[in-house]
C-alpha atoms as a PDB file:
ATOM      1  CA  MET A   1      -2.336  13.532 -33.788  1.00  0.00           C
ATOM      2  CA  LYS A   2      -2.453  15.054 -30.343  1.00  0.00           C
ATOM      3  CA  ILE A   3      -0.183  13.407 -27.524  1.00  0.00           C
ATOM      4  CA  ARG A   4      -1.804  13.279 -24.245  1.00  0.00           C
ATOM      5  CA  PRO A   5       0.601  14.009 -21.334  1.00  0.00           C
ATOM      6  CA  ARG A   6       1.504  11.118 -19.009  1.00  0.00           C
ATOM      7  CA  HIS A   7       0.685  10.999 -15.472  1.00  0.00           C
ATOM      8  CA  PRO A   8       3.562  12.454 -13.463  1.00  0.00           C
ATOM      9  CA  GLU A   9       3.779   9.459 -11.049  1.00  0.00           C
ATOM     10  CA  LYS A  10       4.263   7.178 -14.016  1.00  0.00           C
ATOM     11  CA  ILE A  11       7.151   9.203 -15.411  1.00  0.00           C
ATOM     12  CA  LYS A  12       9.355   8.380 -12.361  1.00  0.00           C
ATOM     13  CA  ASN A  13       9.355   5.278 -10.139  1.00  0.00           C
ATOM     14  CA  PRO A  14       7.462   5.838  -6.907  1.00  0.00           C
ATOM     15  CA  VAL A  15       9.745   6.174  -3.683  1.00  0.00           C
ATOM     16  CA  ASN A  16       7.697   3.573  -1.815  1.00  0.00           C
ATOM     17  CA  PRO A  17       5.091   1.657  -3.869  1.00  0.00           C
ATOM     18  CA  ILE A  18       2.023   1.245  -2.031  1.00  0.00           C
ATOM     19  CA  LYS A  19       0.904  -2.511  -1.239  1.00  0.00           C
ATOM     20  CA  LYS A  20      -2.691  -3.548  -2.046  1.00  0.00           C
ATOM     21  CA  LYS A  21      -4.862  -3.738   0.888  1.00  0.00           C
ATOM     22  CA  PRO A  22      -6.156  -7.231   1.809  1.00  0.00           C
ATOM     23  CA  ASP A  23      -9.760  -8.250   2.272  1.00  0.00           C
ATOM     24  CA  TRP A  24      -9.782  -7.632   5.807  1.00  0.00           C
ATOM     25  CA  ILE A  25      -9.128  -3.927   5.803  1.00  0.00           C
ATOM     26  CA  ARG A  26     -12.527  -2.560   4.734  1.00  0.00           C
ATOM     27  CA  SER A  27     -14.153   0.727   6.371  1.00  0.00           C
ATOM     28  CA  LYS A  28     -17.834   0.883   6.835  1.00  0.00           C
ATOM     29  CA  LEU A  29     -20.649   3.440   6.732  1.00  0.00           C
ATOM     30  CA  VAL A  30     -23.367   2.764   9.469  1.00  0.00           C
ATOM     31  CA  ASN A  31     -25.666   5.636   9.303  1.00  0.00           C
ATOM     32  CA  SER A  32     -25.372   8.084   6.163  1.00  0.00           C
ATOM     33  CA  LYS A  33     -27.629  10.723   7.818  1.00  0.00           C
ATOM     34  CA  GLU A  34     -25.784  10.916  11.132  1.00  0.00           C
ATOM     35  CA  PHE A  35     -22.486  11.089   9.074  1.00  0.00           C
ATOM     36  CA  PHE A  36     -23.498  14.067   7.336  1.00  0.00           C
ATOM     37  CA  ILE A  37     -24.769  15.551  10.337  1.00  0.00           C
ATOM     38  CA  THR A  38     -21.350  15.314  12.023  1.00  0.00           C
ATOM     39  CA  LYS A  39     -19.673  16.459   8.798  1.00  0.00           C
ATOM     40  CA  THR A  40     -21.848  19.630   8.850  1.00  0.00           C
ATOM     41  CA  VAL A  41     -21.239  20.710  12.398  1.00  0.00           C
ATOM     42  CA  VAL A  42     -17.402  20.086  11.941  1.00  0.00           C
ATOM     43  CA  ASN A  43     -17.497  22.160   8.641  1.00  0.00           C
ATOM     44  CA  LYS A  44     -19.711  24.958   9.883  1.00  0.00           C
ATOM     45  CA  SER A  45     -17.779  25.442  13.025  1.00  0.00           C
ATOM     46  CA  ASN A  46     -14.497  25.719  10.851  1.00  0.00           C
ATOM     47  CA  LEU A  47     -12.786  22.952  13.014  1.00  0.00           C
ATOM     48  CA  VAL A  48     -10.050  20.461  12.100  1.00  0.00           C
ATOM     49  CA  THR A  49     -10.366  16.944  12.965  1.00  0.00           C
ATOM     50  CA  VAL A  50      -7.607  14.389  12.886  1.00  0.00           C
ATOM     51  CA  CYS A  51     -10.240  11.981  11.110  1.00  0.00           C
ATOM     52  CA  GLN A  52      -9.884  14.213   8.013  1.00  0.00           C
ATOM     53  CA  GLU A  53      -6.293  15.477   8.186  1.00  0.00           C
ATOM     54  CA  ALA A  54      -4.854  11.986   9.011  1.00  0.00           C
ATOM     55  CA  ASN A  55      -7.290  10.081   6.417  1.00  0.00           C
ATOM     56  CA  CYS A  56      -8.400   7.903   9.129  1.00  0.00           C
ATOM     57  CA  PRO A  57      -9.968   4.685   7.480  1.00  0.00           C
ATOM     58  CA  ASN A  58     -12.674   4.792  10.025  1.00  0.00           C
ATOM     59  CA  ILE A  59     -13.960   8.181   9.376  1.00  0.00           C
ATOM     60  CA  THR A  60     -17.327   6.925   7.892  1.00  0.00           C
ATOM     61  CA  GLU A  61     -18.121   4.614  10.964  1.00  0.00           C
ATOM     62  CA  CYS A  62     -16.955   6.966  13.443  1.00  0.00           C
ATOM     63  CA  TRP A  63     -19.008   9.957  11.976  1.00  0.00           C
ATOM     64  CA  SER A  64     -22.064   8.008  11.530  1.00  0.00           C
ATOM     65  CA  LYS A  65     -21.925   7.390  15.332  1.00  0.00           C
ATOM     66  CA  ARG A  66     -21.442  11.217  15.632  1.00  0.00           C
ATOM     67  CA  HIS A  67     -17.981  10.507  17.149  1.00  0.00           C
ATOM     68  CA  ALA A  68     -14.995  12.678  16.042  1.00  0.00           C
ATOM     69  CA  THR A  69     -11.704  13.357  17.395  1.00  0.00           C
ATOM     70  CA  PHE A  70     -10.940  17.231  17.268  1.00  0.00           C
ATOM     71  CA  MET A  71      -7.502  18.458  16.383  1.00  0.00           C
ATOM     72  CA  ILE A  72      -6.467  21.719  17.936  1.00  0.00           C
ATOM     73  CA  MET A  73      -3.827  24.445  17.372  1.00  0.00           C
ATOM     74  CA  GLY A  74      -4.163  24.091  13.410  1.00  0.00           C
ATOM     75  CA  ASP A  75      -3.872  21.810  10.821  1.00  0.00           C
ATOM     76  CA  THR A  76       0.096  22.288  10.402  1.00  0.00           C
ATOM     77  CA  CYS A  77       2.525  20.339  12.202  1.00  0.00           C
ATOM     78  CA  THR A  78       6.040  21.399  13.262  1.00  0.00           C
ATOM     79  CA  ARG A  79       7.465  17.856  12.793  1.00  0.00           C
ATOM     80  CA  ALA A  80       7.427  15.490   9.904  1.00  0.00           C
ATOM     81  CA  CYS A  81       7.008  11.893  11.164  1.00  0.00           C
ATOM     82  CA  ALA A  82       7.485   9.492   8.413  1.00  0.00           C
ATOM     83  CA  PHE A  83       4.042   7.823   8.974  1.00  0.00           C
ATOM     84  CA  CYS A  84       1.562  10.601   9.340  1.00  0.00           C
ATOM     85  CA  ASP A  85      -0.318  12.346   6.682  1.00  0.00           C
ATOM     86  CA  VAL A  86      -0.985  15.546   8.649  1.00  0.00           C
ATOM     87  CA  LYS A  87       0.981  18.581   6.821  1.00  0.00           C
ATOM     88  CA  THR A  88       4.316  19.700   7.863  1.00  0.00           C
ATOM     89  CA  GLY A  89       5.295  23.304   7.912  1.00  0.00           C
ATOM     90  CA  LYS A  90       5.242  26.625   9.812  1.00  0.00           C
ATOM     91  CA  PRO A  91       1.883  26.808  11.797  1.00  0.00           C
ATOM     92  CA  GLU A  92      -0.289  29.861  11.843  1.00  0.00           C
ATOM     93  CA  LYS A  93      -1.380  31.772  15.361  1.00  0.00           C
ATOM     94  CA  LEU A  94      -3.464  29.824  17.596  1.00  0.00           C
ATOM     95  CA  ASP A  95      -7.207  30.580  17.362  1.00  0.00           C
ATOM     96  CA  PRO A  96      -8.332  32.649  20.524  1.00  0.00           C
ATOM     97  CA  TYR A  97     -11.748  31.207  19.971  1.00  0.00           C
ATOM     98  CA  GLU A  98     -11.217  27.718  19.461  1.00  0.00           C
ATOM     99  CA  ASP A  99     -12.174  26.506  23.003  1.00  0.00           C
ATOM    100  CA  ILE A 100     -15.800  27.887  22.387  1.00  0.00           C
ATOM    101  CA  LYS A 101     -15.841  26.509  19.141  1.00  0.00           C
ATOM    102  CA  ILE A 102     -14.956  22.892  20.198  1.00  0.00           C
ATOM    103  CA  ALA A 103     -17.304  23.157  23.211  1.00  0.00           C
ATOM    104  CA  ASN A 104     -20.077  24.264  21.054  1.00  0.00           C
ATOM    105  CA  ALA A 105     -19.394  21.370  18.561  1.00  0.00           C
ATOM    106  CA  VAL A 106     -19.409  18.908  21.517  1.00  0.00           C
ATOM    107  CA  LYS A 107     -22.798  20.288  22.640  1.00  0.00           C
ATOM    108  CA  LYS A 108     -24.469  20.180  19.230  1.00  0.00           C
ATOM    109  CA  LEU A 109     -22.982  16.674  18.736  1.00  0.00           C
ATOM    110  CA  ASN A 110     -24.398  15.597  22.093  1.00  0.00           C
ATOM    111  CA  LEU A 111     -21.171  13.532  22.539  1.00  0.00           C
ATOM    112  CA  ARG A 112     -20.839  11.131  25.905  1.00  0.00           C
ATOM    113  CA  HIS A 113     -17.105  11.160  25.170  1.00  0.00           C
ATOM    114  CA  VAL A 114     -14.825  13.482  23.424  1.00  0.00           C
ATOM    115  CA  VAL A 115     -11.040  13.047  22.070  1.00  0.00           C
ATOM    116  CA  ILE A 116      -9.086  16.182  21.775  1.00  0.00           C
ATOM    117  CA  THR A 117      -5.693  16.016  20.255  1.00  0.00           C
ATOM    118  CA  SER A 118      -3.442  18.539  18.581  1.00  0.00           C
ATOM    119  CA  VAL A 119      -0.583  18.917  16.106  1.00  0.00           C
ATOM    120  CA  ASP A 120       2.933  19.328  17.447  1.00  0.00           C
ATOM    121  CA  ARG A 121       3.584  22.917  18.133  1.00  0.00           C
ATOM    122  CA  ASP A 122       7.339  23.206  18.914  1.00  0.00           C
ATOM    123  CA  ASP A 123       7.320  26.504  18.055  1.00  0.00           C
ATOM    124  CA  LEU A 124       5.449  27.551  21.149  1.00  0.00           C
ATOM    125  CA  PRO A 125       7.339  27.887  24.416  1.00  0.00           C
ATOM    126  CA  ASP A 126       4.932  25.477  26.202  1.00  0.00           C
ATOM    127  CA  GLY A 127       4.299  23.270  23.289  1.00  0.00           C
ATOM    128  CA  GLY A 128       0.824  24.598  23.459  1.00  0.00           C
ATOM    129  CA  SER A 129      -0.202  23.104  26.799  1.00  0.00           C
ATOM    130  CA  ASN A 130      -1.823  26.200  28.147  1.00  0.00           C
ATOM    131  CA  HIS A 131      -4.126  26.368  25.016  1.00  0.00           C
ATOM    132  CA  PHE A 132      -4.774  22.893  25.286  1.00  0.00           C
ATOM    133  CA  LYS A 133      -5.899  23.159  28.795  1.00  0.00           C
ATOM    134  CA  LYS A 134      -8.017  26.136  27.913  1.00  0.00           C
ATOM    135  CA  VAL A 135      -9.871  24.074  25.327  1.00  0.00           C
ATOM    136  CA  VAL A 136     -10.436  21.213  27.982  1.00  0.00           C
ATOM    137  CA  ASP A 137     -11.737  23.795  30.631  1.00  0.00           C
ATOM    138  CA  THR A 138     -14.055  25.413  28.291  1.00  0.00           C
ATOM    139  CA  THR A 139     -15.428  21.946  27.031  1.00  0.00           C
ATOM    140  CA  ARG A 140     -15.783  20.787  30.380  1.00  0.00           C
ATOM    141  CA  LYS A 141     -17.641  23.676  31.806  1.00  0.00           C
ATOM    142  CA  LYS A 142     -20.145  23.637  28.502  1.00  0.00           C
ATOM    143  CA  ASN A 143     -20.441  19.937  28.445  1.00  0.00           C
ATOM    144  CA  PRO A 144     -20.071  18.713  32.276  1.00  0.00           C
ATOM    145  CA  ASN A 145     -21.597  15.210  31.654  1.00  0.00           C
ATOM    146  CA  THR A 146     -19.238  14.512  28.738  1.00  0.00           C
ATOM    147  CA  THR A 147     -15.910  12.542  29.542  1.00  0.00           C
ATOM    148  CA  ILE A 148     -12.872  14.080  28.148  1.00  0.00           C
ATOM    149  CA  GLU A 149      -9.843  12.039  26.679  1.00  0.00           C
ATOM    150  CA  VAL A 150      -6.619  14.181  25.415  1.00  0.00           C
ATOM    151  CA  LEU A 151      -4.268  12.577  22.965  1.00  0.00           C
ATOM    152  CA  THR A 152      -1.292  14.677  23.660  1.00  0.00           C
ATOM    153  CA  PRO A 153       1.988  15.551  21.952  1.00  0.00           C
ATOM    154  CA  ASP A 154       5.307  14.859  23.788  1.00  0.00           C
ATOM    155  CA  PHE A 155       6.028  18.496  24.833  1.00  0.00           C
ATOM    156  CA  LEU A 156       9.511  17.609  24.221  1.00  0.00           C
ATOM    157  CA  ARG A 157      12.081  20.203  25.662  1.00  0.00           C
ATOM    158  CA  LYS A 158       9.315  21.909  26.980  1.00  0.00           C
ATOM    159  CA  GLY A 159       9.847  21.156  30.808  1.00  0.00           C
ATOM    160  CA  GLU A 160       6.963  20.386  32.802  1.00  0.00           C
ATOM    161  CA  SER A 161       4.327  21.758  30.381  1.00  0.00           C
ATOM    162  CA  PHE A 162       2.335  18.688  30.202  1.00  0.00           C
ATOM    163  CA  LYS A 163       1.510  18.991  33.782  1.00  0.00           C
ATOM    164  CA  LYS A 164      -1.039  21.987  32.787  1.00  0.00           C
ATOM    165  CA  LEU A 165      -3.113  19.449  31.146  1.00  0.00           C
ATOM    166  CA  LEU A 166      -3.164  17.219  34.441  1.00  0.00           C
ATOM    167  CA  GLU A 167      -4.298  20.156  36.307  1.00  0.00           C
ATOM    168  CA  ALA A 168      -7.575  20.114  34.061  1.00  0.00           C
ATOM    169  CA  ASP A 169     -10.627  18.004  34.617  1.00  0.00           C
ATOM    170  CA  ILE A 170      -9.752  15.016  32.202  1.00  0.00           C
ATOM    171  CA  ASP A 171     -10.670  11.418  31.956  1.00  0.00           C
ATOM    172  CA  VAL A 172      -8.242  10.012  29.934  1.00  0.00           C
ATOM    173  CA  PHE A 173      -4.342  10.878  29.431  1.00  0.00           C
ATOM    174  CA  ASN A 174      -3.391   9.164  25.875  1.00  0.00           C
ATOM    175  CA  HIS A 175       0.137   9.673  24.407  1.00  0.00           C
ATOM    176  CA  ASN A 176       1.015   7.180  21.504  1.00  0.00           C
ATOM    177  CA  ILE A 177       4.402   5.532  21.656  1.00  0.00           C
ATOM    178  CA  GLU A 178       3.777   4.826  17.710  1.00  0.00           C
ATOM    179  CA  THR A 179       6.475   2.325  17.151  1.00  0.00           C
ATOM    180  CA  VAL A 180       9.649   0.321  18.505  1.00  0.00           C
ATOM    181  CA  PRO A 181      12.548   2.252  19.647  1.00  0.00           C
ATOM    182  CA  ARG A 182      14.945   0.813  16.890  1.00  0.00           C
ATOM    183  CA  LEU A 183      12.710   2.549  14.170  1.00  0.00           C
ATOM    184  CA  TYR A 184      12.144   5.835  15.772  1.00  0.00           C
ATOM    185  CA  LEU A 185      14.956   7.702  13.872  1.00  0.00           C
ATOM    186  CA  LYS A 186      13.377   6.604  10.636  1.00  0.00           C
ATOM    187  CA  VAL A 187       9.685   6.705  11.592  1.00  0.00           C
ATOM    188  CA  ARG A 188       9.385   9.590  14.495  1.00  0.00           C
ATOM    189  CA  PRO A 189      12.833  11.168  13.913  1.00  0.00           C
ATOM    190  CA  GLY A 190      11.488  14.472  15.994  1.00  0.00           C
ATOM    191  CA  ALA A 191      10.470  12.482  19.001  1.00  0.00           C
ATOM    192  CA  ARG A 192      12.493  10.368  21.753  1.00  0.00           C
ATOM    193  CA  TYR A 193      10.938   6.869  22.875  1.00  0.00           C
ATOM    194  CA  PHE A 194      12.075   7.124  26.489  1.00  0.00           C
ATOM    195  CA  ALA A 195      10.870  10.730  26.595  1.00  0.00           C
ATOM    196  CA  SER A 196       7.570   9.387  25.605  1.00  0.00           C
ATOM    197  CA  LEU A 197       7.473   6.674  28.199  1.00  0.00           C
ATOM    198  CA  GLU A 198       8.690   9.146  30.636  1.00  0.00           C
ATOM    199  CA  LEU A 199       5.657  11.532  29.846  1.00  0.00           C
ATOM    200  CA  LEU A 200       3.245   8.524  30.531  1.00  0.00           C
ATOM    201  CA  LYS A 201       4.788   7.632  33.493  1.00  0.00           C
ATOM    202  CA  ASN A 202       4.697  11.197  34.895  1.00  0.00           C
ATOM    203  CA  ALA A 203       0.924  11.431  33.928  1.00  0.00           C
ATOM    204  CA  LYS A 204       0.141   8.447  35.977  1.00  0.00           C
ATOM    205  CA  LYS A 205       2.048   9.663  38.966  1.00  0.00           C
ATOM    206  CA  ASP A 206       0.918  13.327  39.101  1.00  0.00           C
ATOM    207  CA  ASN A 207      -2.941  12.181  38.635  1.00  0.00           C
ATOM    208  CA  LYS A 208      -3.672   8.504  39.926  1.00  0.00           C
ATOM    209  CA  LYS A 209      -7.334   9.099  38.935  1.00  0.00           C
ATOM    210  CA  VAL A 210      -6.842   9.547  35.221  1.00  0.00           C
ATOM    211  CA  PHE A 211      -6.622   6.614  32.991  1.00  0.00           C
ATOM    212  CA  THR A 212      -3.273   6.582  30.973  1.00  0.00           C
ATOM    213  CA  LYS A 213      -3.334   5.210  27.319  1.00  0.00           C
ATOM    214  CA  SER A 214      -0.809   4.544  24.379  1.00  0.00           C
ATOM    215  CA  GLY A 215      -0.986   3.077  21.094  1.00  0.00           C
ATOM    216  CA  ILE A 216       1.427   1.353  18.652  1.00  0.00           C
ATOM    217  CA  MET A 217       1.405   0.769  14.703  1.00  0.00           C
ATOM    218  CA  VAL A 218       2.569  -2.619  13.390  1.00  0.00           C
ATOM    219  CA  GLY A 219       3.733  -3.199   9.861  1.00  0.00           C
ATOM    220  CA  LEU A 220       6.554  -0.797   9.795  1.00  0.00           C
ATOM    221  CA  GLY A 221       9.231  -3.362   9.954  1.00  0.00           C
ATOM    222  CA  GLU A 222       9.361  -4.219  13.711  1.00  0.00           C
ATOM    223  CA  GLU A 223      10.027  -7.639  15.162  1.00  0.00           C
ATOM    224  CA  HIS A 224       7.529  -9.444  17.356  1.00  0.00           C
ATOM    225  CA  ASP A 225      10.003  -9.436  20.334  1.00  0.00           C
ATOM    226  CA  GLU A 226       9.999  -5.646  19.980  1.00  0.00           C
ATOM    227  CA  ILE A 227       6.537  -5.318  20.144  1.00  0.00           C
ATOM    228  CA  VAL A 228       6.308  -7.359  23.235  1.00  0.00           C
ATOM    229  CA  GLN A 229       9.256  -5.256  24.938  1.00  0.00           C
ATOM    230  CA  VAL A 230       7.209  -2.150  24.158  1.00  0.00           C
ATOM    231  CA  MET A 231       4.229  -3.540  26.081  1.00  0.00           C
ATOM    232  CA  ASP A 232       6.488  -4.284  29.142  1.00  0.00           C
ATOM    233  CA  ASP A 233       7.840  -0.912  28.884  1.00  0.00           C
ATOM    234  CA  LEU A 234       4.254   0.504  29.025  1.00  0.00           C
ATOM    235  CA  ARG A 235       3.263  -1.512  31.761  1.00  0.00           C
ATOM    236  CA  SER A 236       6.338  -0.342  33.677  1.00  0.00           C
ATOM    237  CA  ALA A 237       5.016   3.214  33.148  1.00  0.00           C
ATOM    238  CA  ASN A 238       1.859   1.992  34.545  1.00  0.00           C
ATOM    239  CA  VAL A 239      -0.192   2.510  31.374  1.00  0.00           C
ATOM    240  CA  ASP A 240      -3.445   1.190  31.763  1.00  0.00           C
ATOM    241  CA  PHE A 241      -4.884   0.841  27.890  1.00  0.00           C
ATOM    242  CA  ILE A 242      -2.897  -0.055  24.774  1.00  0.00           C
ATOM    243  CA  THR A 243      -4.113   0.195  21.391  1.00  0.00           C
ATOM    244  CA  ILE A 244      -2.644  -2.059  18.389  1.00  0.00           C
ATOM    245  CA  GLY A 245      -3.485  -1.080  14.942  1.00  0.00           C
ATOM    246  CA  GLN A 246      -2.191  -1.718  11.255  1.00  0.00           C
ATOM    247  CA  TYR A 247      -0.052   1.013   9.751  1.00  0.00           C
ATOM    248  CA  LEU A 248      -1.546   2.154   6.461  1.00  0.00           C
ATOM    249  CA  GLN A 249       0.836   3.882   4.084  1.00  0.00           C
ATOM    250  CA  PRO A 250      -0.631   7.207   3.267  1.00  0.00           C
ATOM    251  CA  SER A 251       1.226   7.778  -0.024  1.00  0.00           C
ATOM    252  CA  VAL A 252       4.462   6.863  -1.678  1.00  0.00           C
ATOM    253  CA  LYS A 253       6.546   9.573   0.032  1.00  0.00           C
ATOM    254  CA  HIS A 254       5.775   7.967   3.466  1.00  0.00           C
ATOM    255  CA  HIS A 255       7.691   5.242   5.450  1.00  0.00           C
ATOM    256  CA  PRO A 256       7.096   1.590   3.472  1.00  0.00           C
ATOM    257  CA  LEU A 257       4.680  -0.464   4.573  1.00  0.00           C
ATOM    258  CA  GLU A 258       6.652  -3.872   5.416  1.00  0.00           C
ATOM    259  CA  ARG A 259       3.582  -5.993   5.431  1.00  0.00           C
ATOM    260  CA  TYR A 260       0.066  -6.485   6.654  1.00  0.00           C
ATOM    261  CA  TYR A 261      -0.610  -8.270   9.817  1.00  0.00           C
ATOM    262  CA  HIS A 262      -3.550 -10.875   9.717  1.00  0.00           C
ATOM    263  CA  PRO A 263      -6.440 -10.645  12.091  1.00  0.00           C
ATOM    264  CA  ASP A 264      -5.216 -13.813  13.810  1.00  0.00           C
ATOM    265  CA  GLU A 265      -1.838 -12.141  14.693  1.00  0.00           C
ATOM    266  CA  PHE A 266      -3.672  -9.119  15.967  1.00  0.00           C
ATOM    267  CA  LYS A 267      -5.764 -11.591  18.431  1.00  0.00           C
ATOM    268  CA  GLU A 268      -2.425 -13.257  19.418  1.00  0.00           C
ATOM    269  CA  LEU A 269      -0.986  -9.712  20.327  1.00  0.00           C
ATOM    270  CA  GLU A 270      -4.110  -8.874  22.142  1.00  0.00           C
ATOM    271  CA  LEU A 271      -3.727 -12.076  24.358  1.00  0.00           C
ATOM    272  CA  ILE A 272      -0.042 -11.384  25.244  1.00  0.00           C
ATOM    273  CA  ALA A 273      -0.993  -7.676  25.913  1.00  0.00           C
ATOM    274  CA  LYS A 274      -3.775  -8.808  28.463  1.00  0.00           C
ATOM    275  CA  SER A 275      -1.196 -11.294  30.100  1.00  0.00           C
ATOM    276  CA  LYS A 276       0.941  -8.240  30.836  1.00  0.00           C
ATOM    277  CA  GLY A 277      -1.868  -6.712  32.967  1.00  0.00           C
ATOM    278  CA  PHE A 278      -3.582  -4.000  31.027  1.00  0.00           C
ATOM    279  CA  LEU A 279      -6.725  -3.013  32.054  1.00  0.00           C
ATOM    280  CA  LEU A 280      -7.832  -2.835  28.505  1.00  0.00           C
ATOM    281  CA  VAL A 281      -6.412  -3.980  25.020  1.00  0.00           C
ATOM    282  CA  SER A 282      -7.919  -2.962  21.652  1.00  0.00           C
ATOM    283  CA  SER A 283      -5.984  -4.943  18.720  1.00  0.00           C
ATOM    284  CA  SER A 284      -7.205  -5.266  15.305  1.00  0.00           C
ATOM    285  CA  PRO A 285      -6.208  -4.005  11.753  1.00  0.00           C
ATOM    286  CA  LEU A 286      -8.564  -0.837  12.057  1.00  0.00           C
ATOM    287  CA  THR A 287      -7.935  -0.116  15.461  1.00  0.00           C
ATOM    288  CA  ARG A 288      -6.659   3.565  16.144  1.00  0.00           C
ATOM    289  CA  SER A 289      -6.076   5.563  19.003  1.00  0.00           C
ATOM    290  CA  SER A 290      -9.504   6.980  19.450  1.00  0.00           C
ATOM    291  CA  TYR A 291     -11.565   4.190  17.619  1.00  0.00           C
ATOM    292  CA  HIS A 292     -14.384   3.070  19.683  1.00  0.00           C
ATOM    293  CA  ALA A 293     -13.155   5.582  22.534  1.00  0.00           C
ATOM    294  CA  ASP A 294     -16.404   5.885  24.127  1.00  0.00           C
ATOM    295  CA  GLU A 295     -17.227   2.125  24.293  1.00  0.00           C
ATOM    296  CA  ASP A 296     -13.633   1.599  25.677  1.00  0.00           C
ATOM    297  CA  PHE A 297     -13.825   4.149  28.173  1.00  0.00           C
ATOM    298  CA  ALA A 298     -16.889   2.682  29.808  1.00  0.00           C
ATOM    299  CA  LYS A 299     -15.040  -0.714  29.724  1.00  0.00           C
ATOM    300  CA  LEU A 300     -11.964   0.939  31.395  1.00  0.00           C
ATOM    301  CA  LYS A 301     -14.074   2.138  34.361  1.00  0.00           C
ATOM    302  CA  GLN A 302     -15.593  -1.424  34.656  1.00  0.00           C
ATOM    303  CA  ASN A 303     -12.351  -3.379  34.606  1.00  0.00           C
ATOM    304  CA  ARG A 304     -11.053  -1.059  37.191  1.00  0.00           C
ATOM    305  CA  ILE A 305     -13.714  -1.830  39.563  1.00  0.00           C
ATOM    306  CA  ASN A 306     -13.234  -5.526  38.833  1.00  0.00           C
ATOM    307  CA  SER A 307      -9.646  -5.502  39.384  1.00  0.00           C
ATOM    308  CA  HIS A 308     -10.073  -4.260  42.803  1.00  0.00           C
END
């Protein structure tokens, strides 16, 4: 009798078993035709999106609306954050034509609002800030009516490299704080909590017209009071917009998911954040940094007007 080999994951116990998703975490496909149009443009242009690389649960919904978050400077990160599904290793050289590819893709998709992010490139002297600015500049020139949001790395130990991006014509400067400071060594070991706060604070200080934005994941083992403290810290850094979403464990090798928050808990966190004075709060199980970014930018502008 022929013996069938056992599945390798069944031979040894998983490091961190993945918890079953509750009923309220369900992604949706809105328009399949538009989804495949977006997929075709991205693939033919040989571009990288965080939607694919990070296995975002909202990819079908966002791509159905022709909304994609472009990830520049390659698909390989120099860091190994315990929550992230982007691969880690030695990155390839920068693509000198990436700015043109991004600008053309934005044009083809007729985007009203585009989010441009990147992997961490600690191997580069400036952390990739000059390349980032080049992509933004070319995108702006080709798409003058498109609003541009950048989701940046922290440029840790790269001096004032981040200022290059603030010289560009951007509308939103986003940098995610990700989690509470107590969990940084486990969840985000290559980063520093207060360095990220300082980056956000300096971004607003150097460019008062730009909206600043940051996000946090819940379900990693944080306490309620710690989340509230992060809100206070972000407000102290004059951050305009906070996103709060559920951490979804990518694999058994990633940081364990402690628990799923109920939608009612996200609503409570939203009310607390609003009481702190944020111009805008997005808090739900499927909220991600660039989820509904175009609609949210319109709300940000209106809320700024209303607050004056």
